[in-house]
């Protein structure tokens, strides 16, 4: 099955290439070593991640706008519950 291209409105000021690009290593320096390893030894893993990203977008396009709004509202509620639970837990104290 041939999937449709992902097209973004020009008003957004970004292209598909702007969205699906390699991770900016300066933004997550703790992942640089892992990204280097994957690029050298398992480049298909990096390609699969980009493919999953696209697949999620395609699956969302199949939903009605109301279903997408419902999904977003559910995710927002889940995030609120997680944030509340995290605020109730004590931060880890370093052992002296």
C-alpha atoms as a PDB file:
ATOM      1  CA  UNK A   1       0.000   0.000   0.000  1.00  0.00           C
ATOM      2  CA  UNK A   2       1.451   3.318  -1.069  1.00  0.00           C
ATOM      3  CA  UNK A   3       1.066   5.914   1.658  1.00  0.00           C
ATOM      4  CA  UNK A   4       0.398   9.553   0.817  1.00  0.00           C
ATOM      5  CA  UNK A   5       3.186  12.082   1.157  1.00  0.00           C
ATOM      6  CA  UNK A   6       3.228  14.205   4.275  1.00  0.00           C
ATOM      7  CA  UNK A   7       2.536  17.773   3.180  1.00  0.00           C
ATOM      8  CA  UNK A   8       2.720  20.731   5.511  1.00  0.00           C
ATOM      9  CA  UNK A   9       1.002  24.072   4.910  1.00  0.00           C
ATOM     10  CA  UNK A  10       3.427  26.778   3.777  1.00  0.00           C
ATOM     11  CA  UNK A  11       2.120  29.030   6.583  1.00  0.00           C
ATOM     12  CA  UNK A  12       3.894  26.832   9.114  1.00  0.00           C
ATOM     13  CA  UNK A  13       7.236  27.888   7.697  1.00  0.00           C
ATOM     14  CA  UNK A  14       8.733  24.390   7.989  1.00  0.00           C
ATOM     15  CA  UNK A  15       9.197  21.538   5.585  1.00  0.00           C
ATOM     16  CA  UNK A  16       8.908  17.806   6.081  1.00  0.00           C
ATOM     17  CA  UNK A  17      12.713  17.701   5.991  1.00  0.00           C
ATOM     18  CA  UNK A  18      12.789  20.154   8.926  1.00  0.00           C
ATOM     19  CA  UNK A  19      10.696  17.736  10.973  1.00  0.00           C
ATOM     20  CA  UNK A  20      12.280  14.426   9.948  1.00  0.00           C
ATOM     21  CA  UNK A  21      15.932  15.156  10.427  1.00  0.00           C
ATOM     22  CA  UNK A  22      18.648  13.559  12.512  1.00  0.00           C
ATOM     23  CA  UNK A  23      18.702  14.417  16.194  1.00  0.00           C
ATOM     24  CA  UNK A  24      20.630  17.611  16.938  1.00  0.00           C
ATOM     25  CA  UNK A  25      23.485  16.245  19.018  1.00  0.00           C
ATOM     26  CA  UNK A  26      24.079  19.596  20.702  1.00  0.00           C
ATOM     27  CA  UNK A  27      20.560  19.389  22.154  1.00  0.00           C
ATOM     28  CA  UNK A  28      21.155  15.967  23.718  1.00  0.00           C
ATOM     29  CA  UNK A  29      24.901  15.513  24.174  1.00  0.00           C
ATOM     30  CA  UNK A  30      24.309  12.493  26.428  1.00  0.00           C
ATOM     31  CA  UNK A  31      23.041  10.620  23.351  1.00  0.00           C
ATOM     32  CA  UNK A  32      25.956  11.440  21.063  1.00  0.00           C
ATOM     33  CA  UNK A  33      27.811   8.214  21.753  1.00  0.00           C
ATOM     34  CA  UNK A  34      24.708   6.127  21.171  1.00  0.00           C
ATOM     35  CA  UNK A  35      23.845   8.003  17.963  1.00  0.00           C
ATOM     36  CA  UNK A  36      27.400   7.539  16.671  1.00  0.00           C
ATOM     37  CA  UNK A  37      27.242   3.824  17.436  1.00  0.00           C
ATOM     38  CA  UNK A  38      23.856   3.401  15.765  1.00  0.00           C
ATOM     39  CA  UNK A  39      24.929   5.397  12.712  1.00  0.00           C
ATOM     40  CA  UNK A  40      28.006   3.191  12.305  1.00  0.00           C
ATOM     41  CA  UNK A  41      26.670  -0.226  13.292  1.00  0.00           C
ATOM     42  CA  UNK A  42      22.880  -0.091  12.944  1.00  0.00           C
ATOM     43  CA  UNK A  43      21.791   2.705  10.590  1.00  0.00           C
ATOM     44  CA  UNK A  44      18.537   0.873   9.897  1.00  0.00           C
ATOM     45  CA  UNK A  45      17.499   1.475  13.519  1.00  0.00           C
ATOM     46  CA  UNK A  46      17.705   5.232  12.940  1.00  0.00           C
ATOM     47  CA  UNK A  47      15.747   4.853   9.714  1.00  0.00           C
ATOM     48  CA  UNK A  48      13.113   2.767  11.510  1.00  0.00           C
ATOM     49  CA  UNK A  49      12.590   5.494  14.100  1.00  0.00           C
ATOM     50  CA  UNK A  50      11.918   8.036  11.355  1.00  0.00           C
ATOM     51  CA  UNK A  51       9.562   5.558   9.707  1.00  0.00           C
ATOM     52  CA  UNK A  52       7.622   5.091  12.961  1.00  0.00           C
ATOM     53  CA  UNK A  53       7.291   8.869  13.244  1.00  0.00           C
ATOM     54  CA  UNK A  54       5.790   9.004   9.766  1.00  0.00           C
ATOM     55  CA  UNK A  55       3.538   6.019  10.482  1.00  0.00           C
ATOM     56  CA  UNK A  56       2.111   7.779  13.531  1.00  0.00           C
ATOM     57  CA  UNK A  57       1.298  10.826  11.424  1.00  0.00           C
ATOM     58  CA  UNK A  58      -0.369   8.696   8.740  1.00  0.00           C
ATOM     59  CA  UNK A  59      -2.458   6.853  11.335  1.00  0.00           C
ATOM     60  CA  UNK A  60      -3.589  10.167  12.858  1.00  0.00           C
ATOM     61  CA  UNK A  61      -4.653  11.385   9.418  1.00  0.00           C
ATOM     62  CA  UNK A  62      -7.050   8.446   9.195  1.00  0.00           C
ATOM     63  CA  UNK A  63      -8.901   9.614  12.330  1.00  0.00           C
ATOM     64  CA  UNK A  64     -11.675  12.149  12.350  1.00  0.00           C
ATOM     65  CA  UNK A  65     -10.793  15.556  13.849  1.00  0.00           C
ATOM     66  CA  UNK A  66     -12.987  14.749  16.863  1.00  0.00           C
ATOM     67  CA  UNK A  67     -11.139  11.457  17.444  1.00  0.00           C
ATOM     68  CA  UNK A  68      -7.791  13.286  17.289  1.00  0.00           C
ATOM     69  CA  UNK A  69      -9.083  15.877  19.766  1.00  0.00           C
ATOM     70  CA  UNK A  70     -10.228  13.082  22.073  1.00  0.00           C
ATOM     71  CA  UNK A  71      -6.795  11.413  21.847  1.00  0.00           C
ATOM     72  CA  UNK A  72      -5.053  14.718  22.618  1.00  0.00           C
ATOM     73  CA  UNK A  73      -7.339  15.380  25.600  1.00  0.00           C
ATOM     74  CA  UNK A  74      -6.687  11.866  26.933  1.00  0.00           C
ATOM     75  CA  UNK A  75      -2.905  12.338  26.602  1.00  0.00           C
ATOM     76  CA  UNK A  76      -3.142  15.716  28.379  1.00  0.00           C
ATOM     77  CA  UNK A  77      -5.045  14.101  31.272  1.00  0.00           C
ATOM     78  CA  UNK A  78      -2.479  11.306  31.483  1.00  0.00           C
ATOM     79  CA  UNK A  79       0.327  13.858  31.569  1.00  0.00           C
ATOM     80  CA  UNK A  80      -1.421  15.781  34.351  1.00  0.00           C
ATOM     81  CA  UNK A  81      -1.777  12.592  36.407  1.00  0.00           C
ATOM     82  CA  UNK A  82       1.924  11.786  35.922  1.00  0.00           C
ATOM     83  CA  UNK A  83       3.006  15.306  36.832  1.00  0.00           C
ATOM     84  CA  UNK A  84       0.861  15.271  39.955  1.00  0.00           C
ATOM     85  CA  UNK A  85       2.253  11.896  41.022  1.00  0.00           C
ATOM     86  CA  UNK A  86       5.813  13.083  40.446  1.00  0.00           C
ATOM     87  CA  UNK A  87       5.239  16.236  42.499  1.00  0.00           C
ATOM     88  CA  UNK A  88       4.122  14.082  45.462  1.00  0.00           C
ATOM     89  CA  UNK A  89       7.252  11.922  45.457  1.00  0.00           C
ATOM     90  CA  UNK A  90      10.366  12.966  47.273  1.00  0.00           C
ATOM     91  CA  UNK A  91      13.337  13.805  45.060  1.00  0.00           C
ATOM     92  CA  UNK A  92      16.176  11.341  45.299  1.00  0.00           C
ATOM     93  CA  UNK A  93      18.761  12.423  47.823  1.00  0.00           C
ATOM     94  CA  UNK A  94      22.398  11.686  47.020  1.00  0.00           C
ATOM     95  CA  UNK A  95      24.038   9.282  49.437  1.00  0.00           C
ATOM     96  CA  UNK A  96      26.889  10.941  51.316  1.00  0.00           C
END
